[in-house]
Amino acid sequence: QVQLVESGGGLVQAGGSLRLSCVASGRTFSNYAMGWFRQAPGKERAFVATISRSGAGRYYANSVKGRFTISKDNASNTVYLQMNSLKPEDTAVYYCAAGPSPYSRGGTYDYWGQGTQVTVSS
């Protein structure tokens, strides 16, 4: 089992920045690719970003490319999502997930956190 705990969400004005963190415990963190997903009210969960086990491979949804950066620190068992130039449409609950490979499909991830709310005001 892997336990994931997200933090760093909050309320920010459009154009602002937030950094989300997700701390993992339970199994060897470096064995997992990590992903960030989000779910806005009334919408399905959507892929945001993913990073490979080593951190060398990073992939982003088109909607966040150039604004968000995913990173992974295997020494501290933490994955980050730096979010810049935030827009109201980025408002959602953000979830981190752990799985065997850096795919964009949520079904490929085995473990999920509880989520952290991000609200961007216009």
Protein backbone atom coordinates (compact mmCIF):
# COMPACT_ATOMS: atom_id res chain seq x y z
CA GLN A 1 0.00 0.00 0.00
CA VAL A 2 1.00 3.58 -0.67
CA GLN A 3 -0.53 6.47 1.22
CA LEU A 4 -0.61 9.85 -0.48
CA VAL A 5 -1.31 13.17 1.20
CA GLU A 6 -1.70 16.37 -0.81
CA SER A 7 -1.28 19.89 0.47
CA GLY A 8 -0.78 23.40 -0.81
CA GLY A 9 -4.18 24.18 -2.23
CA GLY A 10 -6.02 27.39 -1.53
CA LEU A 11 -7.57 30.52 -2.95
CA VAL A 12 -5.56 32.62 -5.38
CA GLN A 13 -6.31 35.39 -7.84
CA ALA A 14 -6.03 34.84 -11.55
CA GLY A 15 -2.44 35.19 -12.66
CA GLY A 16 -1.13 33.97 -9.33
CA SER A 17 0.81 30.87 -8.37
CA LEU A 18 0.49 27.89 -6.08
CA ARG A 19 2.68 24.88 -5.39
CA LEU A 20 1.01 21.63 -4.54
CA SER A 21 2.85 18.90 -2.67
CA CYS A 22 2.09 15.22 -2.32
CA VAL A 23 3.94 13.14 0.24
CA ALA A 24 3.99 9.38 -0.15
CA SER A 25 4.52 6.71 2.46
CA GLY A 26 4.29 2.96 2.65
CA ARG A 27 6.44 1.68 -0.20
CA THR A 28 9.51 2.69 -2.15
CA PHE A 29 8.59 6.00 -3.73
CA SER A 30 11.15 5.71 -6.51
CA ASN A 31 9.36 2.63 -7.83
CA TYR A 32 6.37 4.70 -8.89
CA ALA A 33 5.47 7.16 -11.56
CA MET A 34 3.39 9.98 -10.15
CA GLY A 35 0.53 11.88 -11.66
CA TRP A 36 -1.61 14.90 -10.92
CA PHE A 37 -5.27 14.94 -11.88
CA ARG A 38 -8.06 17.40 -11.21
CA GLN A 39 -11.81 17.38 -11.00
CA ALA A 40 -13.91 20.50 -11.34
CA PRO A 41 -17.52 20.63 -10.12
CA GLY A 42 -19.81 18.78 -12.48
CA LYS A 43 -16.94 17.51 -14.62
CA GLU A 44 -15.03 14.28 -14.93
CA ARG A 45 -11.58 13.84 -13.49
CA ALA A 46 -8.96 15.12 -15.92
CA PHE A 47 -5.27 14.47 -16.41
CA VAL A 48 -2.93 17.35 -15.53
CA ALA A 49 0.64 16.07 -15.47
CA THR A 50 2.72 12.98 -14.88
CA ILE A 51 6.35 12.18 -14.16
CA SER A 52 8.31 8.98 -14.59
CA ARG A 53 9.92 6.99 -11.79
CA SER A 54 13.30 8.65 -12.22
CA GLY A 55 11.85 12.08 -12.91
CA ALA A 56 13.39 12.20 -16.35
CA GLY A 57 10.10 11.98 -18.25
CA ARG A 58 7.42 14.63 -17.76
CA TYR A 59 4.15 14.97 -19.65
CA TYR A 60 1.43 17.59 -19.46
CA ALA A 61 -2.11 18.20 -20.56
CA ASN A 62 -2.25 20.81 -23.30
CA SER A 63 -4.33 23.07 -21.09
CA VAL A 64 -1.51 23.46 -18.55
CA LYS A 65 1.60 23.12 -20.72
CA GLY A 66 3.94 26.04 -20.21
CA ARG A 67 2.22 27.08 -16.97
CA PHE A 68 2.53 24.04 -14.70
CA THR A 69 5.65 22.07 -13.78
CA ILE A 70 5.72 18.65 -12.16
CA SER A 71 8.76 17.51 -10.22
CA LYS A 72 9.68 14.57 -8.01
CA ASP A 73 12.06 14.29 -5.07
CA ASN A 74 12.71 10.63 -4.37
CA ALA A 75 14.76 11.48 -1.28
CA SER A 76 11.79 13.08 0.45
CA ASN A 77 9.07 10.93 -1.15
CA THR A 78 7.40 14.04 -2.51
CA VAL A 79 5.95 15.08 -5.84
CA TYR A 80 5.23 18.72 -6.57
CA LEU A 81 3.05 20.63 -8.97
CA GLN A 82 4.14 24.23 -9.48
CA MET A 83 1.23 26.15 -10.96
CA ASN A 84 1.85 29.58 -12.46
CA SER A 85 -0.36 31.99 -14.39
CA LEU A 86 -3.42 30.42 -12.86
CA LYS A 87 -6.78 30.88 -14.53
CA PRO A 88 -10.31 30.56 -13.14
CA GLU A 89 -10.74 27.42 -15.24
CA ASP A 90 -7.97 25.78 -13.19
CA THR A 91 -10.34 25.71 -10.22
CA ALA A 92 -10.75 22.09 -9.13
CA VAL A 93 -9.86 19.51 -6.55
CA TYR A 94 -6.36 18.30 -7.37
CA TYR A 95 -5.35 14.71 -6.72
CA CYS A 96 -1.99 13.01 -6.84
CA ALA A 97 -1.69 9.38 -7.83
CA ALA A 98 0.98 6.68 -7.93
CA GLY A 99 1.32 3.97 -10.54
CA PRO A 100 3.76 1.86 -12.53
CA SER A 101 4.09 4.15 -15.54
CA PRO A 102 3.63 7.84 -16.43
CA TYR A 103 0.35 7.53 -18.33
CA SER A 104 -2.38 10.10 -18.69
CA ARG A 105 -5.20 7.65 -18.02
CA GLY A 106 -6.31 7.67 -14.41
CA GLY A 107 -7.18 4.00 -14.51
CA THR A 108 -3.51 3.09 -14.76
CA TYR A 109 -2.75 4.47 -11.30
CA ASP A 110 -3.03 2.25 -8.25
CA TYR A 111 -3.07 4.73 -5.39
CA TRP A 112 -4.74 8.10 -4.92
CA GLY A 113 -4.67 10.89 -2.39
CA GLN A 114 -7.69 12.61 -0.89
CA GLY A 115 -7.27 15.78 -2.91
CA THR A 116 -6.65 19.44 -2.24
CA GLN A 117 -8.91 22.28 -3.35
CA VAL A 118 -7.58 24.98 -5.66
CA THR A 119 -9.78 27.99 -6.31
CA VAL A 120 -8.77 30.72 -8.73
CA SER A 121 -10.78 33.93 -8.57
CA SER A 122 -11.18 36.26 -11.53
